[in-house]
C-alpha atoms as a PDB file:
ATOM      1  CA  UNK A   1      -6.647 -24.160   2.478  1.00  0.00           C
ATOM      2  CA  UNK A   2      -3.808 -22.484   0.565  1.00  0.00           C
ATOM      3  CA  UNK A   3      -3.141 -18.930  -0.589  1.00  0.00           C
ATOM      4  CA  UNK A   4      -0.791 -18.135  -3.461  1.00  0.00           C
ATOM      5  CA  UNK A   5       1.299 -15.013  -4.040  1.00  0.00           C
ATOM      6  CA  UNK A   6       3.163 -14.565  -7.311  1.00  0.00           C
ATOM      7  CA  UNK A   7       6.135 -12.452  -8.267  1.00  0.00           C
ATOM      8  CA  UNK A   8       8.716 -12.126 -11.022  1.00  0.00           C
ATOM      9  CA  UNK A   9       6.666 -10.874 -13.936  1.00  0.00           C
ATOM     10  CA  UNK A  10       7.697  -7.893 -15.981  1.00  0.00           C
ATOM     11  CA  UNK A  11       8.863  -6.619 -19.326  1.00  0.00           C
ATOM     12  CA  UNK A  12      11.526  -8.528 -21.220  1.00  0.00           C
ATOM     13  CA  UNK A  13      12.912  -8.445 -24.747  1.00  0.00           C
ATOM     14  CA  UNK A  14      12.357 -11.338 -27.160  1.00  0.00           C
ATOM     15  CA  UNK A  15      14.888 -14.065 -26.480  1.00  0.00           C
ATOM     16  CA  UNK A  16      15.223 -13.037 -22.864  1.00  0.00           C
ATOM     17  CA  UNK A  17      14.394 -14.859 -19.658  1.00  0.00           C
ATOM     18  CA  UNK A  18      12.210 -14.437 -16.607  1.00  0.00           C
ATOM     19  CA  UNK A  19      11.786 -16.509 -13.477  1.00  0.00           C
ATOM     20  CA  UNK A  20       8.366 -16.503 -11.835  1.00  0.00           C
ATOM     21  CA  UNK A  21       7.919 -17.332  -8.161  1.00  0.00           C
ATOM     22  CA  UNK A  22       4.778 -18.513  -6.422  1.00  0.00           C
ATOM     23  CA  UNK A  23       4.824 -18.680  -2.631  1.00  0.00           C
ATOM     24  CA  UNK A  24       2.101 -20.692  -0.932  1.00  0.00           C
ATOM     25  CA  UNK A  25       0.726 -20.271   2.544  1.00  0.00           C
ATOM     26  CA  UNK A  26      -1.787 -22.484   4.264  1.00  0.00           C
ATOM     27  CA  UNK A  27      -1.935 -26.184   4.778  1.00  0.00           C
ATOM     28  CA  UNK A  28       0.249 -28.896   3.357  1.00  0.00           C
ATOM     29  CA  UNK A  29       1.942 -27.303   0.347  1.00  0.00           C
ATOM     30  CA  UNK A  30       3.979 -30.453  -0.122  1.00  0.00           C
ATOM     31  CA  UNK A  31       0.819 -32.438  -0.869  1.00  0.00           C
ATOM     32  CA  UNK A  32      -0.405 -30.173  -3.695  1.00  0.00           C
ATOM     33  CA  UNK A  33       0.037 -30.497  -7.397  1.00  0.00           C
ATOM     34  CA  UNK A  34       1.094 -27.075  -8.689  1.00  0.00           C
ATOM     35  CA  UNK A  35       0.467 -25.594 -12.092  1.00  0.00           C
ATOM     36  CA  UNK A  36       1.078 -22.518 -14.186  1.00  0.00           C
ATOM     37  CA  UNK A  37      -1.541 -21.188 -16.593  1.00  0.00           C
ATOM     38  CA  UNK A  38      -1.634 -18.062 -18.716  1.00  0.00           C
ATOM     39  CA  UNK A  39      -4.227 -15.863 -20.342  1.00  0.00           C
ATOM     40  CA  UNK A  40      -3.610 -13.386 -23.131  1.00  0.00           C
ATOM     41  CA  UNK A  41      -6.066 -10.585 -23.949  1.00  0.00           C
ATOM     42  CA  UNK A  42      -9.060 -11.928 -25.822  1.00  0.00           C
ATOM     43  CA  UNK A  43      -8.009 -15.546 -25.356  1.00  0.00           C
ATOM     44  CA  UNK A  44      -8.992 -18.366 -23.035  1.00  0.00           C
ATOM     45  CA  UNK A  45      -6.814 -19.374 -20.139  1.00  0.00           C
ATOM     46  CA  UNK A  46      -4.366 -22.044 -21.252  1.00  0.00           C
ATOM     47  CA  UNK A  47      -2.209 -24.623 -19.539  1.00  0.00           C
ATOM     48  CA  UNK A  48       1.538 -23.988 -19.353  1.00  0.00           C
ATOM     49  CA  UNK A  49       3.187 -26.432 -16.941  1.00  0.00           C
ATOM     50  CA  UNK A  50       2.525 -28.608 -13.922  1.00  0.00           C
ATOM     51  CA  UNK A  51       4.544 -30.385 -11.258  1.00  0.00           C
ATOM     52  CA  UNK A  52       3.427 -33.083  -8.872  1.00  0.00           C
ATOM     53  CA  UNK A  53       3.704 -32.750  -5.108  1.00  0.00           C
ATOM     54  CA  UNK A  54       6.936 -34.700  -4.884  1.00  0.00           C
ATOM     55  CA  UNK A  55       8.528 -32.883  -7.798  1.00  0.00           C
ATOM     56  CA  UNK A  56       9.020 -36.217  -9.501  1.00  0.00           C
ATOM     57  CA  UNK A  57       6.824 -35.536 -12.512  1.00  0.00           C
ATOM     58  CA  UNK A  58       6.486 -32.495 -14.733  1.00  0.00           C
ATOM     59  CA  UNK A  59       4.456 -31.831 -17.844  1.00  0.00           C
ATOM     60  CA  UNK A  60       4.462 -28.940 -20.321  1.00  0.00           C
ATOM     61  CA  UNK A  61       2.316 -27.619 -23.096  1.00  0.00           C
ATOM     62  CA  UNK A  62       3.757 -28.136 -26.555  1.00  0.00           C
ATOM     63  CA  UNK A  63       4.126 -24.394 -27.034  1.00  0.00           C
ATOM     64  CA  UNK A  64       6.604 -24.012 -24.152  1.00  0.00           C
ATOM     65  CA  UNK A  65       8.284 -27.407 -23.967  1.00  0.00           C
ATOM     66  CA  UNK A  66      12.050 -27.035 -24.195  1.00  0.00           C
ATOM     67  CA  UNK A  67      11.921 -23.355 -23.247  1.00  0.00           C
ATOM     68  CA  UNK A  68      10.210 -23.319 -19.840  1.00  0.00           C
ATOM     69  CA  UNK A  69      10.976 -25.326 -16.711  1.00  0.00           C
ATOM     70  CA  UNK A  70       8.820 -25.766 -13.635  1.00  0.00           C
ATOM     71  CA  UNK A  71      10.343 -26.675 -10.286  1.00  0.00           C
ATOM     72  CA  UNK A  72       9.472 -26.541  -6.608  1.00  0.00           C
ATOM     73  CA  UNK A  73      11.124 -26.275  -3.229  1.00  0.00           C
ATOM     74  CA  UNK A  74       8.869 -27.811  -0.632  1.00  0.00           C
ATOM     75  CA  UNK A  75      11.054 -26.510   2.196  1.00  0.00           C
ATOM     76  CA  UNK A  76      10.230 -22.962   1.047  1.00  0.00           C
ATOM     77  CA  UNK A  77       6.621 -23.558  -0.046  1.00  0.00           C
ATOM     78  CA  UNK A  78       7.562 -22.173  -3.439  1.00  0.00           C
ATOM     79  CA  UNK A  79       7.068 -23.172  -7.049  1.00  0.00           C
ATOM     80  CA  UNK A  80       9.050 -21.613  -9.884  1.00  0.00           C
ATOM     81  CA  UNK A  81       8.642 -21.163 -13.594  1.00  0.00           C
ATOM     82  CA  UNK A  82      11.887 -20.504 -15.439  1.00  0.00           C
ATOM     83  CA  UNK A  83      11.083 -19.019 -18.840  1.00  0.00           C
ATOM     84  CA  UNK A  84      13.808 -18.867 -21.468  1.00  0.00           C
ATOM     85  CA  UNK A  85      13.860 -17.863 -25.131  1.00  0.00           C
ATOM     86  CA  UNK A  86      10.764 -15.773 -24.608  1.00  0.00           C
ATOM     87  CA  UNK A  87       8.647 -14.816 -27.593  1.00  0.00           C
ATOM     88  CA  UNK A  88       6.088 -12.030 -28.037  1.00  0.00           C
ATOM     89  CA  UNK A  89       3.360 -14.679 -28.128  1.00  0.00           C
ATOM     90  CA  UNK A  90       4.280 -15.593 -24.545  1.00  0.00           C
ATOM     91  CA  UNK A  91       2.848 -12.253 -23.452  1.00  0.00           C
ATOM     92  CA  UNK A  92       0.042 -12.958 -20.993  1.00  0.00           C
ATOM     93  CA  UNK A  93      -1.042 -12.835 -17.395  1.00  0.00           C
ATOM     94  CA  UNK A  94       0.487 -15.876 -15.717  1.00  0.00           C
ATOM     95  CA  UNK A  95      -1.381 -17.601 -12.901  1.00  0.00           C
ATOM     96  CA  UNK A  96      -0.125 -19.993 -10.271  1.00  0.00           C
ATOM     97  CA  UNK A  97      -2.554 -22.725  -9.238  1.00  0.00           C
ATOM     98  CA  UNK A  98      -2.715 -25.481  -6.640  1.00  0.00           C
ATOM     99  CA  UNK A  99      -4.831 -28.557  -6.327  1.00  0.00           C
ATOM    100  CA  UNK A 100      -5.101 -31.611  -4.139  1.00  0.00           C
ATOM    101  CA  UNK A 101      -5.773 -35.122  -5.370  1.00  0.00           C
ATOM    102  CA  UNK A 102      -5.600 -34.275  -9.070  1.00  0.00           C
ATOM    103  CA  UNK A 103      -5.396 -37.411 -11.140  1.00  0.00           C
ATOM    104  CA  UNK A 104      -2.861 -37.513 -13.949  1.00  0.00           C
ATOM    105  CA  UNK A 105      -5.440 -37.225 -16.719  1.00  0.00           C
ATOM    106  CA  UNK A 106      -6.658 -33.893 -15.296  1.00  0.00           C
ATOM    107  CA  UNK A 107      -3.426 -32.023 -14.556  1.00  0.00           C
ATOM    108  CA  UNK A 108      -3.685 -29.821 -17.654  1.00  0.00           C
ATOM    109  CA  UNK A 109      -7.245 -28.743 -16.850  1.00  0.00           C
ATOM    110  CA  UNK A 110      -7.734 -25.427 -15.092  1.00  0.00           C
ATOM    111  CA  UNK A 111     -10.964 -26.748 -13.593  1.00  0.00           C
ATOM    112  CA  UNK A 112      -8.998 -29.354 -11.641  1.00  0.00           C
ATOM    113  CA  UNK A 113      -7.191 -26.733  -9.548  1.00  0.00           C
ATOM    114  CA  UNK A 114      -8.829 -25.369  -6.424  1.00  0.00           C
ATOM    115  CA  UNK A 115      -6.646 -22.363  -5.566  1.00  0.00           C
ATOM    116  CA  UNK A 116      -5.313 -19.558  -7.715  1.00  0.00           C
ATOM    117  CA  UNK A 117      -2.930 -16.660  -7.410  1.00  0.00           C
ATOM    118  CA  UNK A 118      -3.770 -13.138  -8.500  1.00  0.00           C
ATOM    119  CA  UNK A 119      -1.753 -13.344 -11.699  1.00  0.00           C
ATOM    120  CA  UNK A 120       1.416 -11.594 -12.785  1.00  0.00           C
ATOM    121  CA  UNK A 121       1.894  -9.812 -16.095  1.00  0.00           C
ATOM    122  CA  UNK A 122       4.593 -11.011 -18.467  1.00  0.00           C
ATOM    123  CA  UNK A 123       5.221  -8.805 -21.486  1.00  0.00           C
ATOM    124  CA  UNK A 124       7.690  -9.793 -24.195  1.00  0.00           C
ATOM    125  CA  UNK A 125       8.390  -6.870 -26.470  1.00  0.00           C
ATOM    126  CA  UNK A 126      11.165  -4.844 -28.033  1.00  0.00           C
END
């Protein structure tokens, strides 16, 4: 029902910033909860941030809270992840995800999301 295309990843120095974009095509973007997850080599995929369909509620993992910000523009079918004060441990493949009818208790669970982007590499290194 929705396809996701990510952009904005790359190489950045510690302390720097990146802004990830995820553009959705398909049906009813404005009705989807959107999330960002990441996976580092040898590690499980982990939750980063989520935003509800209206944009009225956001939630972050403890590891990124205060440094990252998720937002969306429903007129452009786009969700963003602004990443500031980046650390080497933020290095990972970042995935955009979408899901319909996700209850609040499940928004941090990757299994709750039905659609996924291809992933974009973020590398934080000197």
